[in-house]
Amino acid sequence: MVNLTVFSTQTEDVLQGDSEEVIAELLALNGSSAGARPKALIGVDKERKNISYGANLLNDGFEPWMVKFPNSLDGKDAGAIEYVYALMAVDAGIDLPEVHLFHSQKGNGYFAV
């Protein structure tokens, strides 16, 4: 299974130019998303306990999600703030897909949709 904190560290290394080993994998997981923050396409089970990665087929019982990692300019609470904004948008009547805040060992969590 996948440790999102390891992914986050790898994205930091790539953004700082420290690692060539993980860049191909991270680009494959990123799909065609754009924006200011690194992202990865993952598979998540319905209990939000197990995560798989890859841009191909998902394991049985897993759903596709996109998880966002902080960039070098974000604070440690960037994921939590985006999560709260998404919940406020839903409360205001805006139709959004399901969102989740995954645990992080380095901050307040990773925002996922």
PDB file of N, CA and C in Angstrom:
ATOM      1  N   MET A   1       0.831  -1.179   0.000  1.00  0.00           N
ATOM      2  CA  MET A   1       0.000   0.000   0.000  1.00  0.00           C
ATOM      3  C   MET A   1       0.883   1.252   0.000  1.00  0.00           C
ATOM      4  N   VAL A   2       0.254   2.385  -0.090  1.00  0.00           N
ATOM      5  CA  VAL A   2       0.958   3.641  -0.329  1.00  0.00           C
ATOM      6  C   VAL A   2       1.010   4.492   0.936  1.00  0.00           C
ATOM      7  N   ASN A   3       2.142   5.122   1.171  1.00  0.00           N
ATOM      8  CA  ASN A   3       2.305   6.081   2.247  1.00  0.00           C
ATOM      9  C   ASN A   3       2.317   7.469   1.610  1.00  0.00           C
ATOM     10  N   LEU A   4       1.273   8.262   1.869  1.00  0.00           N
ATOM     11  CA  LEU A   4       1.170   9.576   1.229  1.00  0.00           C
ATOM     12  C   LEU A   4       2.275  10.525   1.657  1.00  0.00           C
ATOM     13  N   THR A   5       2.792  10.365   2.871  1.00  0.00           N
ATOM     14  CA  THR A   5       3.883  11.232   3.310  1.00  0.00           C
ATOM     15  C   THR A   5       5.135  10.984   2.474  1.00  0.00           C
ATOM     16  N   VAL A   6       5.383   9.729   2.100  1.00  0.00           N
ATOM     17  CA  VAL A   6       6.520   9.419   1.225  1.00  0.00           C
ATOM     18  C   VAL A   6       6.326  10.092  -0.126  1.00  0.00           C
ATOM     19  N   PHE A   7       5.089  10.009  -0.685  1.00  0.00           N
ATOM     20  CA  PHE A   7       4.803  10.698  -1.949  1.00  0.00           C
ATOM     21  C   PHE A   7       5.058  12.193  -1.823  1.00  0.00           C
ATOM     22  N   SER A   8       4.604  12.770  -0.719  1.00  0.00           N
ATOM     23  CA  SER A   8       4.781  14.208  -0.524  1.00  0.00           C
ATOM     24  C   SER A   8       6.261  14.572  -0.507  1.00  0.00           C
ATOM     25  N   THR A   9       7.057  13.788   0.201  1.00  0.00           N
ATOM     26  CA  THR A   9       8.497  14.037   0.256  1.00  0.00           C
ATOM     27  C   THR A   9       9.121  13.909  -1.129  1.00  0.00           C
ATOM     28  N   GLN A  10       8.683  12.911  -1.901  1.00  0.00           N
ATOM     29  CA  GLN A  10       9.212  12.743  -3.250  1.00  0.00           C
ATOM     30  C   GLN A  10       8.859  13.934  -4.130  1.00  0.00           C
ATOM     31  N   THR A  11       7.648  14.473  -3.987  1.00  0.00           N
ATOM     32  CA  THR A  11       7.290  15.638  -4.797  1.00  0.00           C
ATOM     33  C   THR A  11       8.130  16.842  -4.396  1.00  0.00           C
ATOM     34  N   GLU A  12       8.413  16.985  -3.096  1.00  0.00           N
ATOM     35  CA  GLU A  12       9.278  18.081  -2.655  1.00  0.00           C
ATOM     36  C   GLU A  12      10.664  17.936  -3.272  1.00  0.00           C
ATOM     37  N   ASP A  13      11.197  16.713  -3.279  1.00  0.00           N
ATOM     38  CA  ASP A  13      12.519  16.472  -3.869  1.00  0.00           C
ATOM     39  C   ASP A  13      12.532  16.845  -5.342  1.00  0.00           C
ATOM     40  N   VAL A  14      11.492  16.449  -6.063  1.00  0.00           N
ATOM     41  CA  VAL A  14      11.417  16.760  -7.489  1.00  0.00           C
ATOM     42  C   VAL A  14      11.311  18.259  -7.702  1.00  0.00           C
ATOM     43  N   LEU A  15      10.460  18.928  -6.916  1.00  0.00           N
ATOM     44  CA  LEU A  15      10.281  20.371  -7.078  1.00  0.00           C
ATOM     45  C   LEU A  15      11.553  21.140  -6.751  1.00  0.00           C
ATOM     46  N   GLN A  16      12.379  20.583  -5.871  1.00  0.00           N
ATOM     47  CA  GLN A  16      13.630  21.244  -5.516  1.00  0.00           C
ATOM     48  C   GLN A  16      14.791  20.762  -6.381  1.00  0.00           C
ATOM     49  N   GLY A  17      14.519  19.854  -7.305  1.00  0.00           N
ATOM     50  CA  GLY A  17      15.561  19.360  -8.196  1.00  0.00           C
ATOM     51  C   GLY A  17      16.498  18.363  -7.564  1.00  0.00           C
ATOM     52  N   ASP A  18      16.097  17.725  -6.437  1.00  0.00           N
ATOM     53  CA  ASP A  18      16.980  16.809  -5.729  1.00  0.00           C
ATOM     54  C   ASP A  18      16.904  15.364  -6.197  1.00  0.00           C
ATOM     55  N   SER A  19      15.927  15.015  -7.019  1.00  0.00           N
ATOM     56  CA  SER A  19      15.760  13.600  -7.327  1.00  0.00           C
ATOM     57  C   SER A  19      15.286  13.381  -8.747  1.00  0.00           C
ATOM     58  N   GLU A  20      16.007  12.552  -9.463  1.00  0.00           N
ATOM     59  CA  GLU A  20      15.574  12.158 -10.800  1.00  0.00           C
ATOM     60  C   GLU A  20      14.876  10.808 -10.773  1.00  0.00           C
ATOM     61  N   GLU A  21      15.101  10.017  -9.715  1.00  0.00           N
ATOM     62  CA  GLU A  21      14.584   8.654  -9.670  1.00  0.00           C
ATOM     63  C   GLU A  21      13.064   8.590  -9.644  1.00  0.00           C
ATOM     64  N   VAL A  22      12.425   9.543  -8.962  1.00  0.00           N
ATOM     65  CA  VAL A  22      10.977   9.437  -8.770  1.00  0.00           C
ATOM     66  C   VAL A  22      10.178  10.257  -9.775  1.00  0.00           C
ATOM     67  N   ILE A  23      10.834  11.062 -10.586  1.00  0.00           N
ATOM     68  CA  ILE A  23      10.083  11.994 -11.436  1.00  0.00           C
ATOM     69  C   ILE A  23       9.184  11.278 -12.445  1.00  0.00           C
ATOM     70  N   ALA A  24       9.644  10.203 -13.039  1.00  0.00           N
ATOM     71  CA  ALA A  24       8.806   9.497 -14.025  1.00  0.00           C
ATOM     72  C   ALA A  24       7.567   8.917 -13.364  1.00  0.00           C
ATOM     73  N   GLU A  25       7.735   8.331 -12.185  1.00  0.00           N
ATOM     74  CA  GLU A  25       6.588   7.759 -11.472  1.00  0.00           C
ATOM     75  C   GLU A  25       5.603   8.848 -11.063  1.00  0.00           C
ATOM     76  N   LEU A  26       6.104   9.951 -10.533  1.00  0.00           N
ATOM     77  CA  LEU A  26       5.212  11.033 -10.117  1.00  0.00           C
ATOM     78  C   LEU A  26       4.482  11.639 -11.304  1.00  0.00           C
ATOM     79  N   LEU A  27       5.152  11.780 -12.421  1.00  0.00           N
ATOM     80  CA  LEU A  27       4.483  12.309 -13.609  1.00  0.00           C
ATOM     81  C   LEU A  27       3.392  11.364 -14.086  1.00  0.00           C
ATOM     82  N   ALA A  28       3.635  10.068 -14.017  1.00  0.00           N
ATOM     83  CA  ALA A  28       2.607   9.097 -14.411  1.00  0.00           C
ATOM     84  C   ALA A  28       1.411   9.169 -13.478  1.00  0.00           C
ATOM     85  N   LEU A  29       1.645   9.342 -12.198  1.00  0.00           N
ATOM     86  CA  LEU A  29       0.553   9.431 -11.233  1.00  0.00           C
ATOM     87  C   LEU A  29      -0.192  10.745 -11.340  1.00  0.00           C
ATOM     88  N   ASN A  30       0.464  11.770 -11.823  1.00  0.00           N
ATOM     89  CA  ASN A  30      -0.128  13.097 -11.924  1.00  0.00           C
ATOM     90  C   ASN A  30      -1.209  13.167 -12.986  1.00  0.00           C
ATOM     91  N   GLY A  31      -1.182  12.289 -13.966  1.00  0.00           N
ATOM     92  CA  GLY A  31      -2.190  12.348 -15.022  1.00  0.00           C
ATOM     93  C   GLY A  31      -2.079  13.650 -15.778  1.00  0.00           C
ATOM     94  N   SER A  32      -3.201  14.245 -16.106  1.00  0.00           N
ATOM     95  CA  SER A  32      -3.190  15.486 -16.882  1.00  0.00           C
ATOM     96  C   SER A  32      -3.591  16.681 -16.035  1.00  0.00           C
ATOM     97  N   SER A  33      -3.503  16.554 -14.716  1.00  0.00           N
ATOM     98  CA  SER A  33      -3.919  17.661 -13.858  1.00  0.00           C
ATOM     99  C   SER A  33      -2.931  18.812 -13.961  1.00  0.00           C
ATOM    100  N   ALA A  34      -3.429  19.989 -13.694  1.00  0.00           N
ATOM    101  CA  ALA A  34      -2.598  21.190 -13.725  1.00  0.00           C
ATOM    102  C   ALA A  34      -2.791  21.932 -12.409  1.00  0.00           C
ATOM    103  N   GLY A  35      -2.153  23.048 -12.268  1.00  0.00           N
ATOM    104  CA  GLY A  35      -2.323  23.848 -11.068  1.00  0.00           C
ATOM    105  C   GLY A  35      -1.010  24.033 -10.345  1.00  0.00           C
ATOM    106  N   ALA A  36      -1.096  24.687  -9.187  1.00  0.00           N
ATOM    107  CA  ALA A  36       0.091  25.071  -8.439  1.00  0.00           C
ATOM    108  C   ALA A  36       0.657  23.953  -7.576  1.00  0.00           C
ATOM    109  N   ARG A  37      -0.156  22.952  -7.236  1.00  0.00           N
ATOM    110  CA  ARG A  37       0.298  21.907  -6.332  1.00  0.00           C
ATOM    111  C   ARG A  37       0.479  20.576  -7.056  1.00  0.00           C
ATOM    112  N   PRO A  38       1.488  19.797  -6.631  1.00  0.00           N
ATOM    113  CA  PRO A  38       1.654  18.453  -7.192  1.00  0.00           C
ATOM    114  C   PRO A  38       0.465  17.575  -6.797  1.00  0.00           C
ATOM    115  N   LYS A  39       0.089  16.678  -7.690  1.00  0.00           N
ATOM    116  CA  LYS A  39      -1.051  15.801  -7.459  1.00  0.00           C
ATOM    117  C   LYS A  39      -0.691  14.391  -7.886  1.00  0.00           C
ATOM    118  N   ALA A  40      -1.447  13.426  -7.357  1.00  0.00           N
ATOM    119  CA  ALA A  40      -1.280  12.038  -7.782  1.00  0.00           C
ATOM    120  C   ALA A  40      -2.647  11.389  -7.896  1.00  0.00           C
ATOM    121  N   LEU A  41      -2.782  10.527  -8.896  1.00  0.00           N
ATOM    122  CA  LEU A  41      -3.985   9.721  -9.039  1.00  0.00           C
ATOM    123  C   LEU A  41      -3.772   8.450  -8.237  1.00  0.00           C
ATOM    124  N   ILE A  42      -4.714   8.160  -7.332  1.00  0.00           N
ATOM    125  CA  ILE A  42      -4.586   7.001  -6.454  1.00  0.00           C
ATOM    126  C   ILE A  42      -5.890   6.218  -6.447  1.00  0.00           C
ATOM    127  N   GLY A  43      -5.835   5.017  -5.925  1.00  0.00           N
ATOM    128  CA  GLY A  43      -7.023   4.224  -5.651  1.00  0.00           C
ATOM    129  C   GLY A  43      -7.193   4.132  -4.145  1.00  0.00           C
ATOM    130  N   VAL A  44      -8.439   4.276  -3.677  1.00  0.00           N
ATOM    131  CA  VAL A  44      -8.714   4.276  -2.243  1.00  0.00           C
ATOM    132  C   VAL A  44      -9.874   3.325  -1.975  1.00  0.00           C
ATOM    133  N   ASP A  45      -9.761   2.519  -0.905  1.00  0.00           N
ATOM    134  CA  ASP A  45     -10.887   1.648  -0.576  1.00  0.00           C
ATOM    135  C   ASP A  45     -11.992   2.460   0.096  1.00  0.00           C
ATOM    136  N   LYS A  46     -13.164   1.877   0.205  1.00  0.00           N
ATOM    137  CA  LYS A  46     -14.331   2.613   0.696  1.00  0.00           C
ATOM    138  C   LYS A  46     -14.190   3.053   2.151  1.00  0.00           C
ATOM    139  N   GLU A  47     -13.362   2.372   2.935  1.00  0.00           N
ATOM    140  CA  GLU A  47     -13.146   2.746   4.338  1.00  0.00           C
ATOM    141  C   GLU A  47     -12.077   3.827   4.495  1.00  0.00           C
ATOM    142  N   ARG A  48     -11.440   4.212   3.397  1.00  0.00           N
ATOM    143  CA  ARG A  48     -10.363   5.216   3.380  1.00  0.00           C
ATOM    144  C   ARG A  48      -9.159   4.769   4.203  1.00  0.00           C
ATOM    145  N   LYS A  49      -8.944   3.445   4.278  1.00  0.00           N
ATOM    146  CA  LYS A  49      -7.828   2.909   5.058  1.00  0.00           C
ATOM    147  C   LYS A  49      -6.672   2.441   4.185  1.00  0.00           C
ATOM    148  N   ASN A  50      -6.971   1.995   2.971  1.00  0.00           N
ATOM    149  CA  ASN A  50      -5.942   1.453   2.082  1.00  0.00           C
ATOM    150  C   ASN A  50      -5.881   2.262   0.801  1.00  0.00           C
ATOM    151  N   ILE A  51      -4.666   2.516   0.362  1.00  0.00           N
ATOM    152  CA  ILE A  51      -4.435   3.318  -0.840  1.00  0.00           C
ATOM    153  C   ILE A  51      -3.523   2.530  -1.769  1.00  0.00           C
ATOM    154  N   SER A  52      -3.874   2.510  -3.033  1.00  0.00           N
ATOM    155  CA  SER A  52      -2.988   1.944  -4.048  1.00  0.00           C
ATOM    156  C   SER A  52      -2.676   3.052  -5.043  1.00  0.00           C
ATOM    157  N   TYR A  53      -1.619   2.879  -5.798  1.00  0.00           N
ATOM    158  CA  TYR A  53      -1.296   3.907  -6.774  1.00  0.00           C
ATOM    159  C   TYR A  53      -1.064   3.285  -8.129  1.00  0.00           C
ATOM    160  N   GLY A  54      -1.123   4.128  -9.100  1.00  0.00           N
ATOM    161  CA  GLY A  54      -0.908   3.703 -10.470  1.00  0.00           C
ATOM    162  C   GLY A  54      -1.926   4.355 -11.371  1.00  0.00           C
ATOM    163  N   ALA A  55      -1.568   4.486 -12.610  1.00  0.00           N
ATOM    164  CA  ALA A  55      -2.454   5.143 -13.569  1.00  0.00           C
ATOM    165  C   ALA A  55      -3.272   4.134 -14.356  1.00  0.00           C
ATOM    166  N   ASN A  56      -3.175   2.863 -14.001  1.00  0.00           N
ATOM    167  CA  ASN A  56      -3.876   1.823 -14.752  1.00  0.00           C
ATOM    168  C   ASN A  56      -5.096   1.332 -13.991  1.00  0.00           C
ATOM    169  N   LEU A  57      -5.289   0.030 -13.923  1.00  0.00           N
ATOM    170  CA  LEU A  57      -6.466  -0.554 -13.291  1.00  0.00           C
ATOM    171  C   LEU A  57      -6.390  -0.464 -11.775  1.00  0.00           C
ATOM    172  N   LEU A  58      -7.566  -0.251 -11.163  1.00  0.00           N
ATOM    173  CA  LEU A  58      -7.648  -0.210  -9.709  1.00  0.00           C
ATOM    174  C   LEU A  58      -7.966  -1.599  -9.172  1.00  0.00           C
ATOM    175  N   ASN A  59      -7.534  -1.863  -7.955  1.00  0.00           N
ATOM    176  CA  ASN A  59      -7.888  -3.103  -7.276  1.00  0.00           C
ATOM    177  C   ASN A  59      -9.392  -3.141  -7.035  1.00  0.00           C
ATOM    178  N   ASP A  60      -9.953  -4.339  -6.907  1.00  0.00           N
ATOM    179  CA  ASP A  60     -11.374  -4.465  -6.588  1.00  0.00           C
ATOM    180  C   ASP A  60     -11.675  -3.751  -5.278  1.00  0.00           C
ATOM    181  N   GLY A  61     -12.787  -3.036  -5.235  1.00  0.00           N
ATOM    182  CA  GLY A  61     -13.182  -2.319  -4.035  1.00  0.00           C
ATOM    183  C   GLY A  61     -12.517  -0.966  -3.866  1.00  0.00           C
ATOM    184  N   PHE A  62     -11.711  -0.548  -4.834  1.00  0.00           N
ATOM    185  CA  PHE A  62     -11.035   0.744  -4.758  1.00  0.00           C
ATOM    186  C   PHE A  62     -11.693   1.733  -5.714  1.00  0.00           C
ATOM    187  N   GLU A  63     -11.680   3.000  -5.330  1.00  0.00           N
ATOM    188  CA  GLU A  63     -12.238   4.083  -6.144  1.00  0.00           C
ATOM    189  C   GLU A  63     -11.114   5.032  -6.557  1.00  0.00           C
ATOM    190  N   PRO A  64     -11.247   5.684  -7.710  1.00  0.00           N
ATOM    191  CA  PRO A  64     -10.213   6.645  -8.125  1.00  0.00           C
ATOM    192  C   PRO A  64     -10.340   7.961  -7.356  1.00  0.00           C
ATOM    193  N   TRP A  65      -9.229   8.466  -6.900  1.00  0.00           N
ATOM    194  CA  TRP A  65      -9.148   9.750  -6.207  1.00  0.00           C
ATOM    195  C   TRP A  65      -7.932  10.502  -6.729  1.00  0.00           C
ATOM    196  N   MET A  66      -7.956  11.825  -6.538  1.00  0.00           N
ATOM    197  CA  MET A  66      -6.793  12.661  -6.804  1.00  0.00           C
ATOM    198  C   MET A  66      -6.396  13.286  -5.470  1.00  0.00           C
ATOM    199  N   VAL A  67      -5.151  13.100  -5.073  1.00  0.00           N
ATOM    200  CA  VAL A  67      -4.654  13.673  -3.827  1.00  0.00           C
ATOM    201  C   VAL A  67      -3.667  14.781  -4.171  1.00  0.00           C
ATOM    202  N   LYS A  68      -3.744  15.875  -3.401  1.00  0.00           N
ATOM    203  CA  LYS A  68      -2.881  17.035  -3.641  1.00  0.00           C
ATOM    204  C   LYS A  68      -1.852  17.148  -2.524  1.00  0.00           C
ATOM    205  N   PHE A  69      -0.639  17.496  -2.913  1.00  0.00           N
ATOM    206  CA  PHE A  69       0.447  17.665  -1.963  1.00  0.00           C
ATOM    207  C   PHE A  69       0.851  19.135  -1.916  1.00  0.00           C
ATOM    208  N   PRO A  70       1.363  19.600  -0.776  1.00  0.00           N
ATOM    209  CA  PRO A  70       1.773  21.005  -0.700  1.00  0.00           C
ATOM    210  C   PRO A  70       2.988  21.280  -1.575  1.00  0.00           C
ATOM    211  N   ASN A  71       3.071  22.514  -2.060  1.00  0.00           N
ATOM    212  CA  ASN A  71       4.284  22.914  -2.766  1.00  0.00           C
ATOM    213  C   ASN A  71       5.210  23.595  -1.771  1.00  0.00           C
ATOM    214  N   SER A  72       6.337  24.049  -2.220  1.00  0.00           N
ATOM    215  CA  SER A  72       7.343  24.611  -1.308  1.00  0.00           C
ATOM    216  C   SER A  72       6.906  25.925  -0.672  1.00  0.00           C
ATOM    217  N   LEU A  73       5.881  26.567  -1.208  1.00  0.00           N
ATOM    218  CA  LEU A  73       5.411  27.840  -0.659  1.00  0.00           C
ATOM    219  C   LEU A  73       4.221  27.685   0.278  1.00  0.00           C
ATOM    220  N   ASP A  74       3.613  26.505   0.311  1.00  0.00           N
ATOM    221  CA  ASP A  74       2.447  26.266   1.158  1.00  0.00           C
ATOM    222  C   ASP A  74       2.850  26.060   2.605  1.00  0.00           C
ATOM    223  N   GLY A  75       1.948  26.420   3.495  1.00  0.00           N
ATOM    224  CA  GLY A  75       2.120  26.073   4.895  1.00  0.00           C
ATOM    225  C   GLY A  75       1.722  24.626   5.118  1.00  0.00           C
ATOM    226  N   LYS A  76       2.007  24.114   6.307  1.00  0.00           N
ATOM    227  CA  LYS A  76       1.692  22.715   6.609  1.00  0.00           C
ATOM    228  C   LYS A  76       0.199  22.448   6.672  1.00  0.00           C
ATOM    229  N   ASP A  77      -0.602  23.486   6.759  1.00  0.00           N
ATOM    230  CA  ASP A  77      -2.049  23.307   6.857  1.00  0.00           C
ATOM    231  C   ASP A  77      -2.779  23.534   5.535  1.00  0.00           C
ATOM    232  N   ALA A  78      -2.077  23.591   4.416  1.00  0.00           N
ATOM    233  CA  ALA A  78      -2.705  23.880   3.120  1.00  0.00           C
ATOM    234  C   ALA A  78      -3.779  22.857   2.770  1.00  0.00           C
ATOM    235  N   GLY A  79      -3.513  21.578   2.994  1.00  0.00           N
ATOM    236  CA  GLY A  79      -4.499  20.546   2.694  1.00  0.00           C
ATOM    237  C   GLY A  79      -5.735  20.667   3.559  1.00  0.00           C
ATOM    238  N   ALA A  80      -5.530  20.925   4.846  1.00  0.00           N
ATOM    239  CA  ALA A  80      -6.658  21.071   5.767  1.00  0.00           C
ATOM    240  C   ALA A  80      -7.500  22.291   5.408  1.00  0.00           C
ATOM    241  N   ILE A  81      -6.856  23.373   5.019  1.00  0.00           N
ATOM    242  CA  ILE A  81      -7.593  24.584   4.634  1.00  0.00           C
ATOM    243  C   ILE A  81      -8.428  24.317   3.388  1.00  0.00           C
ATOM    244  N   GLU A  82      -7.856  23.665   2.384  1.00  0.00           N
ATOM    245  CA  GLU A  82      -8.616  23.368   1.173  1.00  0.00           C
ATOM    246  C   GLU A  82      -9.789  22.433   1.480  1.00  0.00           C
ATOM    247  N   TYR A  83      -9.581  21.494   2.388  1.00  0.00           N
ATOM    248  CA  TYR A  83     -10.647  20.581   2.798  1.00  0.00           C
ATOM    249  C   TYR A  83     -11.802  21.348   3.448  1.00  0.00           C
ATOM    250  N   VAL A  84     -11.474  22.256   4.352  1.00  0.00           N
ATOM    251  CA  VAL A  84     -12.512  23.058   5.020  1.00  0.00           C
ATOM    252  C   VAL A  84     -13.247  23.931   4.005  1.00  0.00           C
ATOM    253  N   TYR A  85     -12.525  24.526   3.065  1.00  0.00           N
ATOM    254  CA  TYR A  85     -13.183  25.313   2.011  1.00  0.00           C
ATOM    255  C   TYR A  85     -14.148  24.448   1.203  1.00  0.00           C
ATOM    256  N   ALA A  86     -13.745  23.228   0.903  1.00  0.00           N
ATOM    257  CA  ALA A  86     -14.625  22.332   0.145  1.00  0.00           C
ATOM    258  C   ALA A  86     -15.882  22.010   0.950  1.00  0.00           C
ATOM    259  N   LEU A  87     -15.734  21.751   2.250  1.00  0.00           N
ATOM    260  CA  LEU A  87     -16.900  21.478   3.092  1.00  0.00           C
ATOM    261  C   LEU A  87     -17.821  22.692   3.173  1.00  0.00           C
ATOM    262  N   MET A  88     -17.246  23.887   3.259  1.00  0.00           N
ATOM    263  CA  MET A  88     -18.067  25.103   3.280  1.00  0.00           C
ATOM    264  C   MET A  88     -18.807  25.282   1.962  1.00  0.00           C
ATOM    265  N   ALA A  89     -18.165  24.953   0.856  1.00  0.00           N
ATOM    266  CA  ALA A  89     -18.817  25.058  -0.450  1.00  0.00           C
ATOM    267  C   ALA A  89     -20.015  24.114  -0.529  1.00  0.00           C
ATOM    268  N   VAL A  90     -19.848  22.891  -0.035  1.00  0.00           N
ATOM    269  CA  VAL A  90     -20.960  21.934  -0.019  1.00  0.00           C
ATOM    270  C   VAL A  90     -22.088  22.460   0.864  1.00  0.00           C
ATOM    271  N   ASP A  91     -21.745  22.999   2.041  1.00  0.00           N
ATOM    272  CA  ASP A  91     -22.759  23.573   2.936  1.00  0.00           C
ATOM    273  C   ASP A  91     -23.493  24.741   2.287  1.00  0.00           C
ATOM    274  N   ALA A  92     -22.820  25.443   1.382  1.00  0.00           N
ATOM    275  CA  ALA A  92     -23.439  26.579   0.685  1.00  0.00           C
ATOM    276  C   ALA A  92     -24.270  26.130  -0.514  1.00  0.00           C
ATOM    277  N   GLY A  93     -24.310  24.818  -0.765  1.00  0.00           N
ATOM    278  CA  GLY A  93     -25.137  24.311  -1.849  1.00  0.00           C
ATOM    279  C   GLY A  93     -24.413  24.058  -3.155  1.00  0.00           C
ATOM    280  N   ILE A  94     -23.101  24.198  -3.158  1.00  0.00           N
ATOM    281  CA  ILE A  94     -22.327  23.939  -4.376  1.00  0.00           C
ATOM    282  C   ILE A  94     -22.123  22.429  -4.510  1.00  0.00           C
ATOM    283  N   ASP A  95     -22.370  21.907  -5.695  1.00  0.00           N
ATOM    284  CA  ASP A  95     -22.245  20.474  -5.955  1.00  0.00           C
ATOM    285  C   ASP A  95     -20.776  20.120  -6.198  1.00  0.00           C
ATOM    286  N   LEU A  96     -20.201  19.354  -5.287  1.00  0.00           N
ATOM    287  CA  LEU A  96     -18.807  18.911  -5.395  1.00  0.00           C
ATOM    288  C   LEU A  96     -18.748  17.395  -5.283  1.00  0.00           C
ATOM    289  N   PRO A  97     -17.725  16.780  -5.862  1.00  0.00           N
ATOM    290  CA  PRO A  97     -17.528  15.355  -5.592  1.00  0.00           C
ATOM    291  C   PRO A  97     -17.134  15.172  -4.128  1.00  0.00           C
ATOM    292  N   GLU A  98     -17.151  13.943  -3.670  1.00  0.00           N
ATOM    293  CA  GLU A  98     -16.756  13.650  -2.299  1.00  0.00           C
ATOM    294  C   GLU A  98     -15.309  14.090  -2.077  1.00  0.00           C
ATOM    295  N   VAL A  99     -15.029  14.641  -0.902  1.00  0.00           N
ATOM    296  CA  VAL A  99     -13.673  15.064  -0.543  1.00  0.00           C
ATOM    297  C   VAL A  99     -13.257  14.350   0.735  1.00  0.00           C
ATOM    298  N   HIS A 100     -11.951  14.305   0.952  1.00  0.00           N
ATOM    299  CA  HIS A 100     -11.423  13.643   2.147  1.00  0.00           C
ATOM    300  C   HIS A 100     -10.091  14.294   2.511  1.00  0.00           C
ATOM    301  N   LEU A 101      -9.775  14.292   3.795  1.00  0.00           N
ATOM    302  CA  LEU A 101      -8.478  14.766   4.270  1.00  0.00           C
ATOM    303  C   LEU A 101      -7.710  13.555   4.794  1.00  0.00           C
ATOM    304  N   PHE A 102      -6.695  13.136   4.041  1.00  0.00           N
ATOM    305  CA  PHE A 102      -5.894  11.987   4.445  1.00  0.00           C
ATOM    306  C   PHE A 102      -4.837  12.408   5.450  1.00  0.00           C
ATOM    307  N   HIS A 103      -4.537  11.513   6.375  1.00  0.00           N
ATOM    308  CA  HIS A 103      -3.533  11.751   7.411  1.00  0.00           C
ATOM    309  C   HIS A 103      -2.167  12.062   6.790  1.00  0.00           C
ATOM    310  N   SER A 104      -1.450  12.960   7.444  1.00  0.00           N
ATOM    311  CA  SER A 104      -0.092  13.302   7.044  1.00  0.00           C
ATOM    312  C   SER A 104       0.805  13.264   8.266  1.00  0.00           C
ATOM    313  N   GLN A 105       2.001  12.767   8.104  1.00  0.00           N
ATOM    314  CA  GLN A 105       2.977  12.789   9.190  1.00  0.00           C
ATOM    315  C   GLN A 105       3.737  14.112   9.226  1.00  0.00           C
ATOM    316  N   LYS A 106       3.500  14.976   8.227  1.00  0.00           N
ATOM    317  CA  LYS A 106       4.258  16.223   8.112  1.00  0.00           C
ATOM    318  C   LYS A 106       3.398  17.475   8.216  1.00  0.00           C
ATOM    319  N   GLY A 107       2.121  17.333   8.419  1.00  0.00           N
ATOM    320  CA  GLY A 107       1.252  18.504   8.463  1.00  0.00           C
ATOM    321  C   GLY A 107      -0.141  18.094   8.881  1.00  0.00           C
ATOM    322  N   ASN A 108      -1.113  18.902   8.498  1.00  0.00           N
ATOM    323  CA  ASN A 108      -2.486  18.656   8.912  1.00  0.00           C
ATOM    324  C   ASN A 108      -3.266  17.788   7.944  1.00  0.00           C
ATOM    325  N   GLY A 109      -2.643  17.239   6.942  1.00  0.00           N
ATOM    326  CA  GLY A 109      -3.325  16.310   6.057  1.00  0.00           C
ATOM    327  C   GLY A 109      -3.175  16.661   4.595  1.00  0.00           C
ATOM    328  N   TYR A 110      -3.566  15.688   3.756  1.00  0.00           N
ATOM    329  CA  TYR A 110      -3.529  15.847   2.303  1.00  0.00           C
ATOM    330  C   TYR A 110      -4.959  15.872   1.784  1.00  0.00           C
ATOM    331  N   PHE A 111      -5.317  16.918   1.079  1.00  0.00           N
ATOM    332  CA  PHE A 111      -6.650  17.066   0.509  1.00  0.00           C
ATOM    333  C   PHE A 111      -6.793  16.138  -0.683  1.00  0.00           C
ATOM    334  N   ALA A 112      -7.946  15.469  -0.754  1.00  0.00           N
ATOM    335  CA  ALA A 112      -8.204  14.568  -1.880  1.00  0.00           C
ATOM    336  C   ALA A 112      -9.640  14.731  -2.344  1.00  0.00           C
ATOM    337  N   VAL A 113      -9.827  14.512  -3.638  1.00  0.00           N
ATOM    338  CA  VAL A 113     -11.152  14.594  -4.252  1.00  0.00           C
ATOM    339  C   VAL A 113     -11.302  13.439  -5.223  1.00  0.00           C
TER     340      VAL A 113
END
